[in-house]
Amino acid sequence: MEKQTLNVPNISCGHCVTAIKNELNELKGVASVDGDPGTKTVTVEWDEPASLEQIRSKLKEINYPAE
């Protein structure tokens, strides 16, 4: 299991976090997603077939690009 915390500057509220959770949880292999609007971070845990590249791509696609 891999785990990464990403900086996502576009997060401004709990609704943003919910949208990100809903989208990332659709990726096969993603085990958990947690976000914090205060620190503007998203922490993701995943196994194969998900990858960090796939997660970053999905975030960019939904207008929450990670730095």
N, C-alpha and C. Protein backbone atom coordinates (compact mmCIF):
# COMPACT_ATOMS: atom_id res chain seq x y z
N MET A 1 0.85 -1.18 0.00
CA MET A 1 0.00 0.00 0.00
C MET A 1 0.89 1.23 0.00
N GLU A 2 0.59 2.15 -0.88
CA GLU A 2 1.32 3.42 -0.93
C GLU A 2 0.45 4.52 -0.36
N LYS A 3 1.11 5.56 0.16
CA LYS A 3 0.38 6.69 0.74
C LYS A 3 1.13 7.97 0.38
N GLN A 4 0.37 8.98 -0.02
CA GLN A 4 0.97 10.25 -0.41
C GLN A 4 0.05 11.38 -0.01
N THR A 5 0.65 12.46 0.50
CA THR A 5 -0.11 13.68 0.78
C THR A 5 0.26 14.70 -0.28
N LEU A 6 -0.76 15.21 -0.95
CA LEU A 6 -0.56 16.15 -2.06
C LEU A 6 -1.09 17.53 -1.69
N ASN A 7 -0.39 18.57 -2.12
CA ASN A 7 -0.87 19.94 -1.95
C ASN A 7 -1.82 20.26 -3.10
N VAL A 8 -3.03 20.67 -2.75
CA VAL A 8 -4.05 20.98 -3.76
C VAL A 8 -4.60 22.37 -3.43
N PRO A 9 -3.99 23.43 -4.00
CA PRO A 9 -4.34 24.81 -3.65
C PRO A 9 -5.80 25.20 -3.92
N ASN A 10 -6.50 24.50 -4.82
CA ASN A 10 -7.88 24.87 -5.15
C ASN A 10 -8.90 24.45 -4.10
N ILE A 11 -8.49 23.68 -3.09
CA ILE A 11 -9.44 23.25 -2.06
C ILE A 11 -9.78 24.47 -1.20
N SER A 12 -11.09 24.74 -1.08
CA SER A 12 -11.49 25.87 -0.25
C SER A 12 -12.51 25.51 0.82
N CYS A 13 -13.12 24.30 0.71
CA CYS A 13 -14.16 23.94 1.68
C CYS A 13 -14.38 22.43 1.71
N GLY A 14 -15.27 22.01 2.56
CA GLY A 14 -15.59 20.60 2.69
C GLY A 14 -16.23 20.01 1.43
N HIS A 15 -16.95 20.86 0.69
CA HIS A 15 -17.55 20.37 -0.56
C HIS A 15 -16.47 19.99 -1.57
N CYS A 16 -15.38 20.74 -1.58
CA CYS A 16 -14.26 20.42 -2.47
C CYS A 16 -13.69 19.05 -2.11
N VAL A 17 -13.51 18.83 -0.82
CA VAL A 17 -12.96 17.56 -0.34
C VAL A 17 -13.89 16.41 -0.73
N THR A 18 -15.19 16.60 -0.58
CA THR A 18 -16.16 15.56 -0.93
C THR A 18 -16.09 15.24 -2.42
N ALA A 19 -15.99 16.27 -3.25
CA ALA A 19 -15.89 16.06 -4.70
C ALA A 19 -14.63 15.26 -5.04
N ILE A 20 -13.53 15.62 -4.41
CA ILE A 20 -12.26 14.91 -4.66
C ILE A 20 -12.37 13.46 -4.20
N LYS A 21 -12.92 13.24 -3.00
CA LYS A 21 -13.09 11.87 -2.49
C LYS A 21 -13.93 11.03 -3.45
N ASN A 22 -15.06 11.59 -3.89
CA ASN A 22 -15.95 10.85 -4.80
C ASN A 22 -15.24 10.46 -6.08
N GLU A 23 -14.49 11.37 -6.66
CA GLU A 23 -13.80 11.09 -7.92
C GLU A 23 -12.65 10.10 -7.74
N LEU A 24 -11.81 10.31 -6.73
CA LEU A 24 -10.65 9.43 -6.55
C LEU A 24 -11.07 8.03 -6.12
N ASN A 25 -12.14 7.92 -5.35
CA ASN A 25 -12.60 6.59 -4.92
C ASN A 25 -13.11 5.75 -6.09
N GLU A 26 -13.38 6.37 -7.23
CA GLU A 26 -13.79 5.62 -8.42
C GLU A 26 -12.60 4.94 -9.10
N LEU A 27 -11.39 5.36 -8.77
CA LEU A 27 -10.21 4.74 -9.37
C LEU A 27 -9.96 3.39 -8.72
N LYS A 28 -9.79 2.37 -9.54
CA LYS A 28 -9.55 1.02 -9.04
C LYS A 28 -8.21 0.98 -8.31
N GLY A 29 -8.23 0.52 -7.07
CA GLY A 29 -7.01 0.41 -6.27
C GLY A 29 -6.90 1.47 -5.19
N VAL A 30 -7.68 2.55 -5.29
CA VAL A 30 -7.64 3.60 -4.26
C VAL A 30 -8.37 3.07 -3.02
N ALA A 31 -7.65 3.06 -1.88
CA ALA A 31 -8.20 2.51 -0.64
C ALA A 31 -8.82 3.59 0.23
N SER A 32 -8.19 4.77 0.30
CA SER A 32 -8.76 5.84 1.12
C SER A 32 -8.32 7.19 0.61
N VAL A 33 -9.18 8.18 0.85
CA VAL A 33 -8.91 9.56 0.46
C VAL A 33 -9.36 10.43 1.62
N ASP A 34 -8.49 11.35 2.04
CA ASP A 34 -8.85 12.29 3.09
C ASP A 34 -8.33 13.65 2.68
N GLY A 35 -9.11 14.69 2.93
CA GLY A 35 -8.69 16.03 2.56
C GLY A 35 -8.87 17.00 3.70
N ASP A 36 -8.10 18.08 3.65
CA ASP A 36 -8.17 19.11 4.68
C ASP A 36 -8.15 20.48 4.01
N PRO A 37 -9.30 21.19 4.02
CA PRO A 37 -9.33 22.51 3.39
C PRO A 37 -8.43 23.51 4.10
N GLY A 38 -8.18 23.32 5.39
CA GLY A 38 -7.33 24.24 6.14
C GLY A 38 -5.89 24.23 5.66
N THR A 39 -5.37 23.03 5.39
CA THR A 39 -3.97 22.92 4.93
C THR A 39 -3.89 22.76 3.41
N LYS A 40 -5.08 22.67 2.78
CA LYS A 40 -5.16 22.49 1.32
C LYS A 40 -4.38 21.25 0.86
N THR A 41 -4.61 20.15 1.59
CA THR A 41 -3.93 18.89 1.25
C THR A 41 -4.95 17.76 1.09
N VAL A 42 -4.54 16.77 0.32
CA VAL A 42 -5.30 15.54 0.14
C VAL A 42 -4.34 14.38 0.37
N THR A 43 -4.73 13.45 1.23
CA THR A 43 -3.92 12.26 1.49
C THR A 43 -4.63 11.07 0.87
N VAL A 44 -3.89 10.33 0.05
CA VAL A 44 -4.46 9.20 -0.68
C VAL A 44 -3.65 7.94 -0.37
N GLU A 45 -4.35 6.83 -0.12
CA GLU A 45 -3.71 5.52 0.01
C GLU A 45 -4.20 4.66 -1.13
N TRP A 46 -3.29 3.92 -1.76
CA TRP A 46 -3.68 3.09 -2.90
C TRP A 46 -2.76 1.89 -3.06
N ASP A 47 -3.26 0.94 -3.81
CA ASP A 47 -2.52 -0.23 -4.27
C ASP A 47 -2.69 -0.30 -5.78
N GLU A 48 -1.95 -1.18 -6.41
CA GLU A 48 -2.15 -1.39 -7.84
C GLU A 48 -3.57 -1.85 -8.08
N PRO A 49 -4.19 -1.49 -9.17
CA PRO A 49 -3.59 -0.89 -10.36
C PRO A 49 -3.52 0.63 -10.32
N ALA A 50 -3.95 1.29 -9.24
CA ALA A 50 -3.85 2.75 -9.16
C ALA A 50 -2.38 3.16 -9.07
N SER A 51 -2.11 4.38 -9.51
CA SER A 51 -0.74 4.92 -9.44
C SER A 51 -0.82 6.40 -9.09
N LEU A 52 0.28 6.94 -8.60
CA LEU A 52 0.33 8.37 -8.27
C LEU A 52 0.06 9.20 -9.52
N GLU A 53 0.58 8.76 -10.65
CA GLU A 53 0.36 9.48 -11.91
C GLU A 53 -1.13 9.51 -12.26
N GLN A 54 -1.81 8.39 -12.06
CA GLN A 54 -3.24 8.30 -12.35
C GLN A 54 -4.03 9.22 -11.41
N ILE A 55 -3.65 9.25 -10.14
CA ILE A 55 -4.32 10.10 -9.15
C ILE A 55 -4.12 11.57 -9.49
N ARG A 56 -2.88 11.96 -9.82
CA ARG A 56 -2.60 13.34 -10.21
C ARG A 56 -3.38 13.73 -11.46
N SER A 57 -3.48 12.82 -12.40
CA SER A 57 -4.20 13.07 -13.64
C SER A 57 -5.69 13.30 -13.37
N LYS A 58 -6.27 12.49 -12.49
CA LYS A 58 -7.69 12.65 -12.15
C LYS A 58 -7.93 13.98 -11.45
N LEU A 59 -7.03 14.36 -10.53
CA LEU A 59 -7.16 15.64 -9.84
C LEU A 59 -7.13 16.80 -10.83
N LYS A 60 -6.23 16.73 -11.80
CA LYS A 60 -6.14 17.78 -12.81
C LYS A 60 -7.41 17.82 -13.65
N GLU A 61 -7.92 16.65 -14.00
CA GLU A 61 -9.12 16.54 -14.83
C GLU A 61 -10.34 17.18 -14.15
N ILE A 62 -10.41 17.10 -12.82
CA ILE A 62 -11.57 17.66 -12.10
C ILE A 62 -11.28 19.06 -11.53
N ASN A 63 -10.23 19.69 -12.04
CA ASN A 63 -9.86 21.08 -11.68
C ASN A 63 -9.36 21.25 -10.24
N TYR A 64 -8.73 20.22 -9.72
CA TYR A 64 -8.05 20.31 -8.43
C TYR A 64 -6.62 19.80 -8.61
N PRO A 65 -5.82 20.47 -9.47
CA PRO A 65 -4.47 19.96 -9.74
C PRO A 65 -3.59 20.01 -8.50
N ALA A 66 -2.81 18.95 -8.32
CA ALA A 66 -1.88 18.87 -7.20
C ALA A 66 -0.56 19.52 -7.59
N GLU A 67 0.07 20.18 -6.63
CA GLU A 67 1.38 20.78 -6.90
C GLU A 67 2.47 19.79 -6.57
